[in-house]
Amino acid sequence: MPNVFKGKGNLGDAPALKHIPVNGGNEVVAEMRVFFDDYAYDEANDEYQQVGGFWMRVSLWGQRGEDAARLLRKGTRVQVEGTLKQFMYLPEGAPEKVPGFQVTADDITLCLGRVSRIEYKPKRAQAGVASEAHEDA
């Protein structure tokens, strides 16, 4: 059973879109770093303060990855849901490999706290109908 991950955080950079060879074809993946923060209420100062957090690499494949690379930018607040995967890597100057973690996202959702405007594309099935109706008017 895979390890399910769900967390909210901010993008460290804009997603990087890559084309990866898979089974004789090319698949599109957006790769990004997300800082998953942890806040707690400080009664003495009557405010929330960051008390921790961690960086994690996140990948989102296919059309959703293309959309993420096109729409998201550094600092965007997102919620990530996916599978947590472990890998081994050799940190610079370290004598041996250590475990690292990354998320293969099923979905990345935009958190609306700092969004001022959203523009929708027409529905695919209605795109032609809408333009025909507009021309008749």
Foldseek 3Di string as FASTA:
>chain_A
DFAKDKAKFFWQFQWDWDWDDDPNHTWIKTKTKTWGWDWDQDPVVRGIDTDDTDIAMEMEIDPQRVVSNVPDGGGFMKMFIFTKDKDWDDPPPDPGIDIDIHGYTPDIGGDCPPDDDDDDDDDPVCPVVVVVVVVVD
